[in-house]
Amino acid sequence: MDALWQQFDQLGTEMIVTKAGRLRMFPIFQVQITGMYPAAEYVLLMDFVPVDDKRYRYAFHSSSWLVAGRADVVAPSRMHFHPDSPACGAQWMKQTVSFDSLKLTNNLMDDNGHMILNSMHRYQPRFHVVYVDPAPNSYLNAHRNFCSFSFPETRFMAVTAYQNHRITQLKIASNPFAKGFRTADGQDRLVPGMQ
């Protein structure tokens, strides 16, 4: 989904966060993996880190994000494990790996395992590959048993409602789950909280 991520990035990607954490990320974070040992086991996971120490607000008159002050206290850090983890390298490499079950929330007390983010803050998703070392003293090599990847085009602003109308339009046009919001007269309609 690189081309779609690039389109969103050019507009300033926004992702809806809700207290209930009922919405999934769109675009979906997907990767194609190569170079794994086919018989070895790996765990795939993601986390989200703040891009900076700022809180933002959207200026509608200029259609741009402005710094509104210092960031809120960082939300509790969590990792999202891909539900197929652990799996052998051959399994991971045979198809695109999709994190389509990942959900975002702004509820600091969330007990559903959703990723907790502060609204009006910018985040960078990070993708991690962890080699499951079968050696009894694997902890000695722990620093060599993982790789982390960040893709700048996947940065986004966490919001409780879309601020940029162009993001709203692109989400409706690109998201197959938003087809109910496309009408026969060509007008796109978005229900608050729909992603």
N, C-alpha and C. Protein backbone atom coordinates (compact mmCIF):
# COMPACT_ATOMS: atom_id res chain seq x y z
N MET A 1 0.83 -1.21 0.00
CA MET A 1 0.00 0.00 0.00
C MET A 1 0.87 1.26 0.00
N ASP A 2 2.09 1.12 -0.48
CA ASP A 2 3.02 2.25 -0.45
C ASP A 2 2.48 3.46 -1.20
N ALA A 3 1.91 3.25 -2.39
CA ALA A 3 1.41 4.37 -3.18
C ALA A 3 0.29 5.11 -2.44
N LEU A 4 -0.58 4.37 -1.77
CA LEU A 4 -1.67 4.99 -1.02
C LEU A 4 -1.13 5.76 0.18
N TRP A 5 -0.18 5.17 0.89
CA TRP A 5 0.45 5.88 2.01
C TRP A 5 1.08 7.18 1.52
N GLN A 6 1.71 7.15 0.35
CA GLN A 6 2.34 8.35 -0.20
C GLN A 6 1.29 9.43 -0.47
N GLN A 7 0.13 9.02 -1.00
CA GLN A 7 -0.94 9.98 -1.25
C GLN A 7 -1.40 10.64 0.04
N PHE A 8 -1.61 9.83 1.07
CA PHE A 8 -2.05 10.39 2.35
C PHE A 8 -0.97 11.28 2.95
N ASP A 9 0.28 10.84 2.85
CA ASP A 9 1.38 11.61 3.43
C ASP A 9 1.47 13.00 2.81
N GLN A 10 1.23 13.10 1.52
CA GLN A 10 1.28 14.41 0.85
C GLN A 10 0.23 15.37 1.40
N LEU A 11 -0.87 14.82 1.89
CA LEU A 11 -1.95 15.66 2.46
C LEU A 11 -1.81 15.85 3.96
N GLY A 12 -0.98 15.03 4.61
CA GLY A 12 -0.85 15.07 6.07
C GLY A 12 -1.78 14.06 6.72
N THR A 13 -1.38 12.82 6.73
CA THR A 13 -2.23 11.71 7.19
C THR A 13 -2.81 11.96 8.58
N GLU A 14 -4.07 11.63 8.73
CA GLU A 14 -4.76 11.70 10.03
C GLU A 14 -5.36 10.33 10.31
N MET A 15 -5.30 9.92 11.57
CA MET A 15 -5.92 8.66 12.00
C MET A 15 -6.85 8.97 13.17
N ILE A 16 -8.05 8.43 13.09
CA ILE A 16 -9.04 8.62 14.15
C ILE A 16 -8.69 7.74 15.35
N VAL A 17 -8.72 8.35 16.54
CA VAL A 17 -8.62 7.60 17.79
C VAL A 17 -9.91 7.83 18.56
N THR A 18 -10.45 6.78 19.16
CA THR A 18 -11.68 6.89 19.95
C THR A 18 -11.47 6.25 21.31
N LYS A 19 -12.30 6.61 22.26
CA LYS A 19 -12.22 6.01 23.60
C LYS A 19 -12.41 4.50 23.53
N ALA A 20 -13.35 4.07 22.68
CA ALA A 20 -13.65 2.64 22.58
C ALA A 20 -12.62 1.88 21.76
N GLY A 21 -11.81 2.60 20.98
CA GLY A 21 -10.81 1.94 20.15
C GLY A 21 -11.44 1.02 19.11
N ARG A 22 -12.58 1.44 18.58
CA ARG A 22 -13.30 0.55 17.66
C ARG A 22 -12.84 0.66 16.22
N LEU A 23 -11.99 1.63 15.92
CA LEU A 23 -11.60 1.85 14.53
C LEU A 23 -10.20 1.31 14.23
N ARG A 24 -10.07 0.78 13.03
CA ARG A 24 -8.78 0.28 12.57
C ARG A 24 -8.07 1.36 11.78
N MET A 25 -6.76 1.21 11.69
CA MET A 25 -5.98 2.15 10.89
C MET A 25 -6.34 2.00 9.41
N PHE A 26 -6.41 3.13 8.71
CA PHE A 26 -6.50 3.10 7.26
C PHE A 26 -5.74 4.30 6.73
N PRO A 27 -4.79 4.12 5.83
CA PRO A 27 -4.42 2.87 5.19
C PRO A 27 -3.91 1.83 6.21
N ILE A 28 -4.02 0.59 5.82
CA ILE A 28 -3.55 -0.52 6.65
C ILE A 28 -2.04 -0.62 6.52
N PHE A 29 -1.38 -0.90 7.62
CA PHE A 29 0.07 -1.10 7.58
C PHE A 29 0.34 -2.52 7.10
N GLN A 30 1.00 -2.62 5.95
CA GLN A 30 1.31 -3.92 5.35
C GLN A 30 2.77 -3.94 4.92
N VAL A 31 3.41 -5.10 5.02
CA VAL A 31 4.80 -5.24 4.60
C VAL A 31 4.99 -6.54 3.84
N GLN A 32 5.96 -6.52 2.93
CA GLN A 32 6.40 -7.72 2.24
C GLN A 32 7.80 -7.99 2.78
N ILE A 33 8.03 -9.20 3.27
CA ILE A 33 9.28 -9.54 3.95
C ILE A 33 10.10 -10.51 3.11
N THR A 34 11.42 -10.27 3.09
CA THR A 34 12.36 -11.19 2.44
C THR A 34 13.56 -11.36 3.37
N GLY A 35 14.37 -12.36 3.09
CA GLY A 35 15.64 -12.53 3.79
C GLY A 35 15.59 -13.26 5.12
N MET A 36 14.44 -13.83 5.46
CA MET A 36 14.35 -14.60 6.71
C MET A 36 14.86 -16.02 6.46
N TYR A 37 15.31 -16.68 7.52
CA TYR A 37 15.61 -18.11 7.44
C TYR A 37 14.26 -18.82 7.39
N PRO A 38 13.99 -19.61 6.36
CA PRO A 38 12.67 -20.21 6.19
C PRO A 38 12.19 -21.05 7.37
N ALA A 39 13.08 -21.78 8.03
CA ALA A 39 12.67 -22.67 9.12
C ALA A 39 12.71 -22.01 10.49
N ALA A 40 13.33 -20.84 10.59
CA ALA A 40 13.44 -20.15 11.88
C ALA A 40 12.11 -19.48 12.23
N GLU A 41 11.88 -19.27 13.53
CA GLU A 41 10.66 -18.60 13.96
C GLU A 41 10.93 -17.12 14.24
N TYR A 42 9.93 -16.31 13.91
CA TYR A 42 10.02 -14.87 14.12
C TYR A 42 8.71 -14.36 14.70
N VAL A 43 8.83 -13.29 15.49
CA VAL A 43 7.68 -12.57 16.01
C VAL A 43 7.68 -11.21 15.32
N LEU A 44 6.52 -10.79 14.83
CA LEU A 44 6.38 -9.47 14.21
C LEU A 44 5.51 -8.61 15.10
N LEU A 45 5.91 -7.38 15.31
CA LEU A 45 5.14 -6.49 16.15
C LEU A 45 5.31 -5.04 15.73
N MET A 46 4.45 -4.20 16.25
CA MET A 46 4.48 -2.76 15.95
C MET A 46 4.32 -1.96 17.23
N ASP A 47 4.89 -0.76 17.20
CA ASP A 47 4.59 0.22 18.22
C ASP A 47 4.53 1.59 17.56
N PHE A 48 4.19 2.59 18.33
CA PHE A 48 4.05 3.95 17.82
C PHE A 48 4.81 4.88 18.74
N VAL A 49 5.64 5.73 18.16
CA VAL A 49 6.41 6.67 18.96
C VAL A 49 6.07 8.10 18.53
N PRO A 50 6.06 9.03 19.49
CA PRO A 50 5.81 10.43 19.12
C PRO A 50 6.90 10.93 18.17
N VAL A 51 6.50 11.72 17.19
CA VAL A 51 7.46 12.30 16.25
C VAL A 51 8.25 13.41 16.92
N ASP A 52 7.58 14.13 17.83
CA ASP A 52 8.22 15.25 18.51
C ASP A 52 7.55 15.46 19.87
N ASP A 53 7.90 16.54 20.54
CA ASP A 53 7.34 16.82 21.88
C ASP A 53 6.32 17.97 21.82
N LYS A 54 5.50 17.96 20.75
CA LYS A 54 4.55 19.05 20.54
C LYS A 54 3.11 18.55 20.43
N ARG A 55 2.21 19.43 20.79
CA ARG A 55 0.78 19.22 20.58
C ARG A 55 0.38 20.17 19.45
N TYR A 56 -0.57 19.76 18.62
CA TYR A 56 -0.92 20.55 17.44
C TYR A 56 -2.39 20.96 17.44
N ARG A 57 -2.69 21.91 16.59
CA ARG A 57 -4.07 22.29 16.28
C ARG A 57 -4.13 22.53 14.79
N TYR A 58 -5.32 22.37 14.23
CA TYR A 58 -5.48 22.54 12.79
C TYR A 58 -6.01 23.93 12.50
N ALA A 59 -5.33 24.66 11.63
CA ALA A 59 -5.78 25.99 11.21
C ALA A 59 -6.55 25.85 9.91
N PHE A 60 -7.86 25.97 9.99
CA PHE A 60 -8.71 25.77 8.81
C PHE A 60 -8.47 26.83 7.74
N HIS A 61 -8.17 28.07 8.17
CA HIS A 61 -7.97 29.15 7.19
C HIS A 61 -6.75 28.91 6.30
N SER A 62 -5.75 28.20 6.83
CA SER A 62 -4.55 27.92 6.02
C SER A 62 -4.41 26.44 5.68
N SER A 63 -5.38 25.64 6.11
CA SER A 63 -5.34 24.19 5.88
C SER A 63 -4.00 23.58 6.28
N SER A 64 -3.57 23.90 7.50
CA SER A 64 -2.28 23.40 7.95
C SER A 64 -2.30 23.16 9.46
N TRP A 65 -1.36 22.34 9.90
CA TRP A 65 -1.20 22.05 11.31
C TRP A 65 -0.23 23.04 11.93
N LEU A 66 -0.59 23.58 13.10
CA LEU A 66 0.25 24.53 13.82
C LEU A 66 0.58 23.98 15.20
N VAL A 67 1.75 24.32 15.70
CA VAL A 67 2.12 23.90 17.06
C VAL A 67 1.24 24.65 18.04
N ALA A 68 0.64 23.92 18.98
CA ALA A 68 -0.27 24.53 19.96
C ALA A 68 0.31 24.46 21.38
N GLY A 69 1.51 23.96 21.52
CA GLY A 69 2.13 23.88 22.84
C GLY A 69 2.92 22.59 23.00
N ARG A 70 3.33 22.36 24.22
CA ARG A 70 4.10 21.16 24.51
C ARG A 70 3.19 19.93 24.52
N ALA A 71 3.77 18.79 24.24
CA ALA A 71 3.01 17.54 24.18
C ALA A 71 2.43 17.18 25.54
N ASP A 72 1.33 16.46 25.51
CA ASP A 72 0.76 15.90 26.74
C ASP A 72 1.71 14.80 27.24
N VAL A 73 1.45 14.35 28.45
CA VAL A 73 2.23 13.24 29.00
C VAL A 73 2.12 12.07 28.04
N VAL A 74 3.24 11.43 27.75
CA VAL A 74 3.25 10.32 26.80
C VAL A 74 2.35 9.20 27.30
N ALA A 75 1.50 8.71 26.40
CA ALA A 75 0.59 7.61 26.73
C ALA A 75 1.41 6.35 27.02
N PRO A 76 0.85 5.42 27.79
CA PRO A 76 1.57 4.18 28.09
C PRO A 76 2.01 3.47 26.80
N SER A 77 3.27 3.07 26.78
CA SER A 77 3.81 2.42 25.59
C SER A 77 3.32 0.97 25.51
N ARG A 78 2.88 0.59 24.32
CA ARG A 78 2.41 -0.77 24.09
C ARG A 78 2.98 -1.30 22.80
N MET A 79 3.02 -2.60 22.71
CA MET A 79 3.42 -3.28 21.48
C MET A 79 2.20 -4.04 20.97
N HIS A 80 2.03 -4.03 19.65
CA HIS A 80 0.97 -4.82 19.02
C HIS A 80 1.62 -6.00 18.32
N PHE A 81 1.38 -7.19 18.83
CA PHE A 81 1.94 -8.40 18.24
C PHE A 81 1.03 -8.85 17.10
N HIS A 82 1.65 -9.16 15.96
CA HIS A 82 0.86 -9.71 14.87
C HIS A 82 0.22 -11.00 15.36
N PRO A 83 -1.08 -11.21 15.11
CA PRO A 83 -1.77 -12.37 15.67
C PRO A 83 -1.21 -13.72 15.22
N ASP A 84 -0.45 -13.78 14.12
CA ASP A 84 0.15 -15.05 13.68
C ASP A 84 1.50 -15.33 14.33
N SER A 85 1.98 -14.40 15.16
CA SER A 85 3.29 -14.58 15.81
C SER A 85 3.21 -15.59 16.94
N PRO A 86 4.28 -16.38 17.12
CA PRO A 86 5.43 -16.53 16.22
C PRO A 86 5.07 -17.46 15.05
N ALA A 87 5.82 -17.29 13.96
CA ALA A 87 5.65 -18.15 12.78
C ALA A 87 7.01 -18.27 12.10
N CYS A 88 7.15 -19.30 11.27
CA CYS A 88 8.43 -19.52 10.60
C CYS A 88 8.62 -18.51 9.48
N GLY A 89 9.87 -18.28 9.14
CA GLY A 89 10.21 -17.33 8.10
C GLY A 89 9.50 -17.61 6.78
N ALA A 90 9.39 -18.90 6.43
CA ALA A 90 8.72 -19.27 5.18
C ALA A 90 7.28 -18.77 5.16
N GLN A 91 6.61 -18.86 6.29
CA GLN A 91 5.22 -18.39 6.41
C GLN A 91 5.14 -16.88 6.20
N TRP A 92 6.02 -16.13 6.88
CA TRP A 92 5.99 -14.67 6.78
C TRP A 92 6.31 -14.20 5.36
N MET A 93 7.24 -14.90 4.69
CA MET A 93 7.70 -14.43 3.38
C MET A 93 6.79 -14.80 2.22
N LYS A 94 5.86 -15.73 2.42
CA LYS A 94 5.07 -16.20 1.28
C LYS A 94 3.95 -15.25 0.86
N GLN A 95 3.63 -14.26 1.69
CA GLN A 95 2.55 -13.33 1.35
C GLN A 95 2.75 -12.01 2.07
N THR A 96 1.98 -11.02 1.67
CA THR A 96 2.04 -9.72 2.34
C THR A 96 1.53 -9.88 3.77
N VAL A 97 2.26 -9.30 4.71
CA VAL A 97 1.87 -9.35 6.12
C VAL A 97 1.07 -8.08 6.42
N SER A 98 -0.13 -8.26 6.92
CA SER A 98 -1.04 -7.14 7.16
C SER A 98 -1.35 -6.99 8.64
N PHE A 99 -1.24 -5.76 9.13
CA PHE A 99 -1.62 -5.46 10.52
C PHE A 99 -3.03 -4.86 10.52
N ASP A 100 -3.97 -5.57 9.89
CA ASP A 100 -5.31 -5.03 9.73
C ASP A 100 -6.18 -5.14 10.99
N SER A 101 -5.70 -5.81 12.02
CA SER A 101 -6.50 -5.90 13.25
C SER A 101 -6.08 -4.86 14.28
N LEU A 102 -5.07 -4.07 13.96
CA LEU A 102 -4.56 -3.07 14.90
C LEU A 102 -5.56 -1.93 15.06
N LYS A 103 -5.87 -1.60 16.31
CA LYS A 103 -6.83 -0.53 16.58
C LYS A 103 -6.20 0.52 17.49
N LEU A 104 -6.68 1.77 17.34
CA LEU A 104 -6.13 2.91 18.07
C LEU A 104 -7.17 3.45 19.05
N THR A 105 -6.69 3.93 20.20
CA THR A 105 -7.57 4.52 21.20
C THR A 105 -6.87 5.70 21.85
N ASN A 106 -7.65 6.58 22.46
CA ASN A 106 -7.08 7.64 23.30
C ASN A 106 -7.48 7.42 24.76
N ASN A 107 -7.96 6.23 25.07
CA ASN A 107 -8.37 5.87 26.42
C ASN A 107 -7.16 5.35 27.20
N LEU A 108 -6.65 6.16 28.12
CA LEU A 108 -5.47 5.78 28.90
C LEU A 108 -5.71 4.55 29.77
N MET A 109 -6.98 4.23 30.02
CA MET A 109 -7.32 3.08 30.86
C MET A 109 -7.72 1.86 30.03
N ASP A 110 -7.44 1.89 28.74
CA ASP A 110 -7.83 0.80 27.84
C ASP A 110 -7.30 -0.54 28.34
N ASP A 111 -8.19 -1.54 28.38
CA ASP A 111 -7.77 -2.89 28.79
C ASP A 111 -8.03 -3.90 27.66
N ASN A 112 -8.18 -3.40 26.43
CA ASN A 112 -8.43 -4.27 25.28
C ASN A 112 -7.19 -4.51 24.43
N GLY A 113 -6.07 -3.95 24.84
CA GLY A 113 -4.83 -4.14 24.09
C GLY A 113 -4.68 -3.23 22.89
N HIS A 114 -5.53 -2.20 22.78
CA HIS A 114 -5.41 -1.26 21.68
C HIS A 114 -4.20 -0.35 21.89
N MET A 115 -3.72 0.26 20.82
CA MET A 115 -2.59 1.18 20.91
C MET A 115 -3.11 2.51 21.45
N ILE A 116 -2.52 2.98 22.54
CA ILE A 116 -2.97 4.21 23.19
C ILE A 116 -2.16 5.40 22.67
N LEU A 117 -2.88 6.38 22.09
CA LEU A 117 -2.25 7.57 21.53
C LEU A 117 -2.94 8.82 22.03
N ASN A 118 -2.21 9.91 22.11
CA ASN A 118 -2.79 11.21 22.48
C ASN A 118 -3.30 11.90 21.22
N SER A 119 -4.52 12.40 21.28
CA SER A 119 -5.07 13.14 20.15
C SER A 119 -4.29 14.43 19.95
N MET A 120 -4.22 14.85 18.68
CA MET A 120 -3.53 16.08 18.27
C MET A 120 -2.01 16.00 18.49
N HIS A 121 -1.49 14.79 18.39
CA HIS A 121 -0.05 14.54 18.45
C HIS A 121 0.34 13.73 17.22
N ARG A 122 1.58 13.89 16.76
CA ARG A 122 2.07 13.17 15.58
C ARG A 122 2.81 11.91 16.01
N TYR A 123 2.58 10.83 15.26
CA TYR A 123 3.19 9.54 15.59
C TYR A 123 3.86 8.91 14.38
N GLN A 124 4.89 8.13 14.69
CA GLN A 124 5.59 7.32 13.69
C GLN A 124 5.39 5.86 14.03
N PRO A 125 4.69 5.10 13.19
CA PRO A 125 4.62 3.65 13.42
C PRO A 125 6.00 3.03 13.21
N ARG A 126 6.31 2.04 14.05
CA ARG A 126 7.55 1.28 13.88
C ARG A 126 7.22 -0.20 13.79
N PHE A 127 7.91 -0.87 12.90
CA PHE A 127 7.71 -2.29 12.65
C PHE A 127 8.95 -3.04 13.15
N HIS A 128 8.74 -4.10 13.91
CA HIS A 128 9.84 -4.85 14.51
C HIS A 128 9.76 -6.32 14.13
N VAL A 129 10.92 -6.90 13.82
CA VAL A 129 11.04 -8.33 13.53
C VAL A 129 11.97 -8.90 14.60
N VAL A 130 11.49 -9.91 15.32
CA VAL A 130 12.27 -10.52 16.39
C VAL A 130 12.50 -12.00 16.05
N TYR A 131 13.75 -12.36 15.97
CA TYR A 131 14.13 -13.76 15.74
C TYR A 131 13.98 -14.52 17.05
N VAL A 132 13.24 -15.63 17.03
CA VAL A 132 13.06 -16.45 18.22
C VAL A 132 14.24 -17.41 18.29
N ASP A 133 15.22 -17.03 19.07
CA ASP A 133 16.47 -17.80 19.17
C ASP A 133 16.24 -19.01 20.06
N PRO A 134 16.43 -20.24 19.53
CA PRO A 134 16.18 -21.45 20.32
C PRO A 134 17.32 -21.78 21.30
N ALA A 135 18.43 -21.07 21.21
CA ALA A 135 19.58 -21.37 22.08
C ALA A 135 19.22 -21.13 23.54
N PRO A 136 19.73 -21.98 24.45
CA PRO A 136 19.42 -21.81 25.87
C PRO A 136 19.94 -20.48 26.44
N ASN A 137 21.00 -19.94 25.87
CA ASN A 137 21.54 -18.67 26.37
C ASN A 137 21.25 -17.54 25.39
N SER A 138 20.06 -17.57 24.78
CA SER A 138 19.71 -16.60 23.74
C SER A 138 19.75 -15.16 24.24
N TYR A 139 19.57 -14.97 25.54
CA TYR A 139 19.58 -13.62 26.09
C TYR A 139 20.92 -12.93 25.86
N LEU A 140 21.99 -13.70 25.67
CA LEU A 140 23.30 -13.11 25.43
C LEU A 140 23.38 -12.42 24.07
N ASN A 141 22.53 -12.85 23.14
CA ASN A 141 22.53 -12.27 21.80
C ASN A 141 21.27 -11.46 21.52
N ALA A 142 20.53 -11.13 22.57
CA ALA A 142 19.25 -10.44 22.39
C ALA A 142 19.37 -9.19 21.53
N HIS A 143 20.46 -8.46 21.67
CA HIS A 143 20.64 -7.21 20.92
C HIS A 143 20.80 -7.46 19.42
N ARG A 144 21.13 -8.69 19.02
CA ARG A 144 21.29 -9.01 17.60
C ARG A 144 20.08 -9.73 17.02
N ASN A 145 19.12 -10.05 17.83
CA ASN A 145 17.99 -10.88 17.39
C ASN A 145 16.76 -10.10 16.95
N PHE A 146 16.91 -8.80 16.72
CA PHE A 146 15.75 -8.04 16.24
C PHE A 146 16.19 -6.93 15.30
N CYS A 147 15.26 -6.52 14.46
CA CYS A 147 15.44 -5.39 13.54
C CYS A 147 14.21 -4.52 13.65
N SER A 148 14.39 -3.22 13.57
CA SER A 148 13.27 -2.27 13.60
C SER A 148 13.29 -1.45 12.32
N PHE A 149 12.09 -1.14 11.82
CA PHE A 149 11.95 -0.39 10.58
C PHE A 149 10.92 0.72 10.77
N SER A 150 11.22 1.89 10.23
CA SER A 150 10.28 3.01 10.20
C SER A 150 10.16 3.50 8.77
N PHE A 151 8.95 3.81 8.37
CA PHE A 151 8.69 4.31 7.03
C PHE A 151 8.10 5.71 7.18
N PRO A 152 8.86 6.76 6.83
CA PRO A 152 8.41 8.15 7.07
C PRO A 152 7.03 8.46 6.50
N GLU A 153 6.65 7.81 5.39
CA GLU A 153 5.35 8.10 4.78
C GLU A 153 4.18 7.59 5.63
N THR A 154 4.45 6.82 6.68
CA THR A 154 3.36 6.31 7.52
C THR A 154 3.12 7.19 8.76
N ARG A 155 3.84 8.28 8.89
CA ARG A 155 3.59 9.21 10.01
C ARG A 155 2.17 9.75 9.91
N PHE A 156 1.58 10.03 11.07
CA PHE A 156 0.22 10.55 11.05
C PHE A 156 -0.07 11.39 12.28
N MET A 157 -1.13 12.18 12.17
CA MET A 157 -1.65 12.95 13.29
C MET A 157 -2.82 12.17 13.88
N ALA A 158 -2.80 11.94 15.18
CA ALA A 158 -3.93 11.28 15.84
C ALA A 158 -5.00 12.34 16.11
N VAL A 159 -6.24 12.06 15.69
CA VAL A 159 -7.33 13.03 15.83
C VAL A 159 -8.60 12.30 16.29
N THR A 160 -9.51 13.05 16.88
CA THR A 160 -10.81 12.46 17.24
C THR A 160 -11.84 12.70 16.14
N ALA A 161 -11.54 13.61 15.22
CA ALA A 161 -12.37 13.86 14.04
C ALA A 161 -11.44 14.41 12.97
N TYR A 162 -11.68 14.05 11.73
CA TYR A 162 -10.81 14.53 10.65
C TYR A 162 -10.85 16.05 10.59
N GLN A 163 -9.69 16.64 10.43
CA GLN A 163 -9.56 18.08 10.35
C GLN A 163 -9.46 18.54 8.89
N ASN A 164 -8.69 17.83 8.10
CA ASN A 164 -8.44 18.19 6.71
C ASN A 164 -9.49 17.50 5.83
N HIS A 165 -10.33 18.26 5.15
CA HIS A 165 -11.41 17.67 4.34
C HIS A 165 -10.85 16.82 3.20
N ARG A 166 -9.62 17.11 2.74
CA ARG A 166 -9.03 16.29 1.67
C ARG A 166 -8.68 14.89 2.17
N ILE A 167 -8.31 14.79 3.45
CA ILE A 167 -8.07 13.47 4.06
C ILE A 167 -9.39 12.70 4.11
N THR A 168 -10.45 13.37 4.51
CA THR A 168 -11.78 12.75 4.56
C THR A 168 -12.15 12.20 3.19
N GLN A 169 -11.97 13.00 2.15
CA GLN A 169 -12.33 12.58 0.80
C GLN A 169 -11.49 11.40 0.33
N LEU A 170 -10.18 11.44 0.63
CA LEU A 170 -9.30 10.35 0.21
C LEU A 170 -9.62 9.07 0.95
N LYS A 171 -9.98 9.16 2.24
CA LYS A 171 -10.36 7.97 3.00
C LYS A 171 -11.62 7.35 2.40
N ILE A 172 -12.60 8.17 2.07
CA ILE A 172 -13.83 7.65 1.49
C ILE A 172 -13.56 7.00 0.14
N ALA A 173 -12.74 7.65 -0.67
CA ALA A 173 -12.46 7.13 -2.01
C ALA A 173 -11.61 5.87 -1.98
N SER A 174 -10.77 5.69 -0.96
CA SER A 174 -9.80 4.59 -0.94
C SER A 174 -10.18 3.42 -0.06
N ASN A 175 -11.02 3.66 0.93
CA ASN A 175 -11.33 2.63 1.92
C ASN A 175 -12.55 1.82 1.48
N PRO A 176 -12.38 0.53 1.21
CA PRO A 176 -13.53 -0.26 0.77
C PRO A 176 -14.65 -0.32 1.81
N PHE A 177 -14.32 -0.10 3.08
CA PHE A 177 -15.35 -0.12 4.13
C PHE A 177 -16.14 1.18 4.18
N ALA A 178 -15.73 2.18 3.40
CA ALA A 178 -16.44 3.46 3.38
C ALA A 178 -17.39 3.56 2.19
N LYS A 179 -17.59 2.45 1.47
CA LYS A 179 -18.40 2.52 0.25
C LYS A 179 -19.83 2.97 0.54
N GLY A 180 -20.34 2.74 1.72
CA GLY A 180 -21.68 3.18 2.08
C GLY A 180 -21.80 4.68 2.18
N PHE A 181 -20.66 5.38 2.17
CA PHE A 181 -20.68 6.83 2.28
C PHE A 181 -20.52 7.51 0.93
N ARG A 182 -20.47 6.70 -0.15
CA ARG A 182 -20.45 7.24 -1.51
C ARG A 182 -21.88 7.21 -2.03
N THR A 183 -22.33 8.30 -2.56
CA THR A 183 -23.72 8.37 -2.99
C THR A 183 -23.81 8.47 -4.50
N ALA A 184 -25.00 8.22 -5.03
CA ALA A 184 -25.22 8.23 -6.47
C ALA A 184 -24.99 9.61 -7.08
N ASP A 185 -25.21 10.66 -6.30
CA ASP A 185 -25.03 12.01 -6.85
C ASP A 185 -23.57 12.47 -6.81
N GLY A 186 -22.68 11.54 -6.42
CA GLY A 186 -21.26 11.87 -6.43
C GLY A 186 -20.77 12.56 -5.16
N GLN A 187 -21.67 12.81 -4.24
CA GLN A 187 -21.28 13.44 -2.98
C GLN A 187 -20.79 12.40 -1.99
N ASP A 188 -19.70 12.68 -1.35
CA ASP A 188 -19.19 11.79 -0.29
C ASP A 188 -19.69 12.31 1.04
N ARG A 189 -20.20 11.40 1.83
CA ARG A 189 -20.66 11.78 3.16
C ARG A 189 -19.94 10.90 4.19
N LEU A 190 -19.55 11.53 5.28
CA LEU A 190 -18.79 10.83 6.30
C LEU A 190 -19.47 11.00 7.64
N VAL A 191 -19.78 9.89 8.28
CA VAL A 191 -20.36 9.93 9.61
C VAL A 191 -19.23 10.18 10.60
N PRO A 192 -19.42 11.05 11.60
CA PRO A 192 -18.36 11.29 12.57
C PRO A 192 -17.87 9.97 13.17
N GLY A 193 -16.56 9.83 13.24
CA GLY A 193 -15.98 8.62 13.81
C GLY A 193 -15.78 7.51 12.80
N MET A 194 -16.27 7.65 11.58
CA MET A 194 -16.09 6.60 10.56
C MET A 194 -14.66 6.67 10.05
N GLN A 195 -14.06 5.53 9.88
CA GLN A 195 -12.72 5.53 9.32
C GLN A 195 -12.69 4.62 8.18
